[in-house]
Amino acid sequence: MSGGDKKYVDEWLKGKIKGGLDQIKLVANNNYGDKTCLYYSGHLHKDILENFPGKSSKKIFKQYREYQNNSDLVFYQNKFSEHGYDYYVRKVKNETKQSA
């Protein structure tokens, strides 16, 4: 593979992927109350791999994983066509937490 065969990176899509992290942060900080928020449309995993080479993709995946491990956030996706999904997040009150 020569230097001219480098894979095309879509800067617009990179912005949307990073913007998804910003949306999730807003939800985590309770800026949306208990409303559901769309944070990405497309094929998130594939789009990250194709637009963030090497260690960059690992950093992006780590940031998403940290939010997904937050028990106050619920994530789900809805397939809208053969070509993509809508990815949603919502903050929930964890009523199973015991008060001290």
Protein backbone atom coordinates (compact mmCIF):
# COMPACT_ATOMS: atom_id res chain seq x y z
CA MET A 1 0.00 0.00 0.00
CA SER A 2 1.57 3.27 -1.08
CA GLY A 3 1.19 6.62 0.66
CA GLY A 4 -1.40 7.67 -1.95
CA ASP A 5 -3.65 4.75 -0.98
CA LYS A 6 -4.40 6.21 2.45
CA LYS A 7 -7.99 5.73 3.56
CA TYR A 8 -10.24 8.80 3.29
CA VAL A 9 -11.19 10.26 6.67
CA ASP A 10 -14.52 12.10 6.78
CA GLU A 11 -13.98 15.19 8.95
CA TRP A 12 -17.73 15.88 9.13
CA LEU A 13 -18.35 12.36 10.44
CA LYS A 14 -15.51 12.71 12.95
CA GLY A 15 -17.23 15.82 14.27
CA LYS A 16 -20.52 13.95 14.63
CA ILE A 17 -18.83 11.11 16.52
CA LYS A 18 -17.16 13.55 18.93
CA GLY A 19 -20.42 15.50 19.14
CA GLY A 20 -22.11 12.31 20.31
CA LEU A 21 -19.79 12.27 23.31
CA ASP A 22 -20.72 15.89 24.02
CA GLN A 23 -24.44 15.02 23.88
CA ILE A 24 -23.98 12.12 26.28
CA LYS A 25 -22.07 14.40 28.67
CA LEU A 26 -24.97 16.87 28.65
CA VAL A 27 -27.41 14.07 29.48
CA ALA A 28 -25.09 12.75 32.22
CA ASN A 29 -24.94 16.24 33.73
CA ASN A 30 -28.76 16.26 33.81
CA ASN A 31 -29.19 19.01 31.20
CA TYR A 32 -32.05 17.03 29.61
CA GLY A 33 -33.89 15.88 32.73
CA ASP A 34 -35.41 12.48 32.06
CA LYS A 35 -35.79 13.08 28.30
CA THR A 36 -34.26 10.75 25.74
CA CYS A 37 -31.54 12.25 23.56
CA LEU A 38 -30.38 11.14 20.12
CA TYR A 39 -26.59 11.25 20.18
CA TYR A 40 -25.65 9.57 16.86
CA SER A 41 -27.13 8.25 13.62
CA GLY A 42 -25.25 5.75 11.46
CA HIS A 43 -23.03 2.76 12.26
CA LEU A 44 -21.14 4.08 15.28
CA HIS A 45 -18.63 1.25 15.68
CA LYS A 46 -17.79 1.08 11.97
CA ASP A 47 -17.65 4.87 11.64
CA ILE A 48 -15.23 5.16 14.56
CA LEU A 49 -12.94 2.49 13.13
CA GLU A 50 -12.93 4.08 9.67
CA ASN A 51 -12.40 7.67 10.79
CA PHE A 52 -10.12 7.40 13.83
CA PRO A 53 -6.98 5.44 12.94
CA GLY A 54 -4.99 3.43 15.49
CA LYS A 55 -4.84 4.73 19.04
CA SER A 56 -7.37 7.47 18.26
CA SER A 57 -10.16 4.91 17.85
CA LYS A 58 -9.19 3.25 21.14
CA LYS A 59 -9.47 6.60 22.93
CA ILE A 60 -12.91 7.28 21.42
CA PHE A 61 -14.16 3.78 22.30
CA LYS A 62 -12.84 4.23 25.86
CA GLN A 63 -14.75 7.50 26.25
CA TYR A 64 -17.99 5.91 25.04
CA ARG A 65 -17.41 2.86 27.28
CA GLU A 66 -16.97 5.07 30.35
CA TYR A 67 -20.39 6.57 29.75
CA GLN A 68 -21.93 3.16 29.03
CA ASN A 69 -20.66 1.94 32.40
CA ASN A 70 -22.55 4.76 34.15
CA SER A 71 -25.52 3.12 35.90
CA ASP A 72 -27.47 6.40 35.75
CA LEU A 73 -27.54 6.29 31.93
CA VAL A 74 -29.57 4.00 29.69
CA PHE A 75 -28.45 3.46 26.10
CA TYR A 76 -30.43 1.95 23.26
CA GLN A 77 -30.51 1.95 19.50
CA ASN A 78 -33.19 1.81 16.86
CA LYS A 79 -32.53 0.51 13.35
CA PHE A 80 -33.89 3.04 10.88
CA SER A 81 -32.81 1.33 7.65
CA GLU A 82 -30.41 -1.22 6.22
CA HIS A 83 -27.78 1.49 6.45
CA GLY A 84 -27.89 2.66 10.01
CA TYR A 85 -29.13 3.07 13.52
CA ASP A 86 -30.21 5.93 15.74
CA TYR A 87 -28.38 5.81 19.06
CA TYR A 88 -30.12 7.20 22.14
CA VAL A 89 -29.27 7.91 25.77
CA ARG A 90 -31.43 8.83 28.73
CA LYS A 91 -30.61 9.57 32.35
CA VAL A 92 -32.60 7.56 34.86
CA LYS A 93 -33.01 7.82 38.58
CA ASN A 94 -31.45 4.74 40.09
CA GLU A 95 -34.11 3.93 42.67
CA THR A 96 -32.36 0.75 43.78
CA LYS A 97 -29.54 2.69 45.47
CA GLN A 98 -29.75 2.43 49.24
CA SER A 99 -29.38 5.56 51.33
CA ALA A 100 -26.84 5.37 54.14
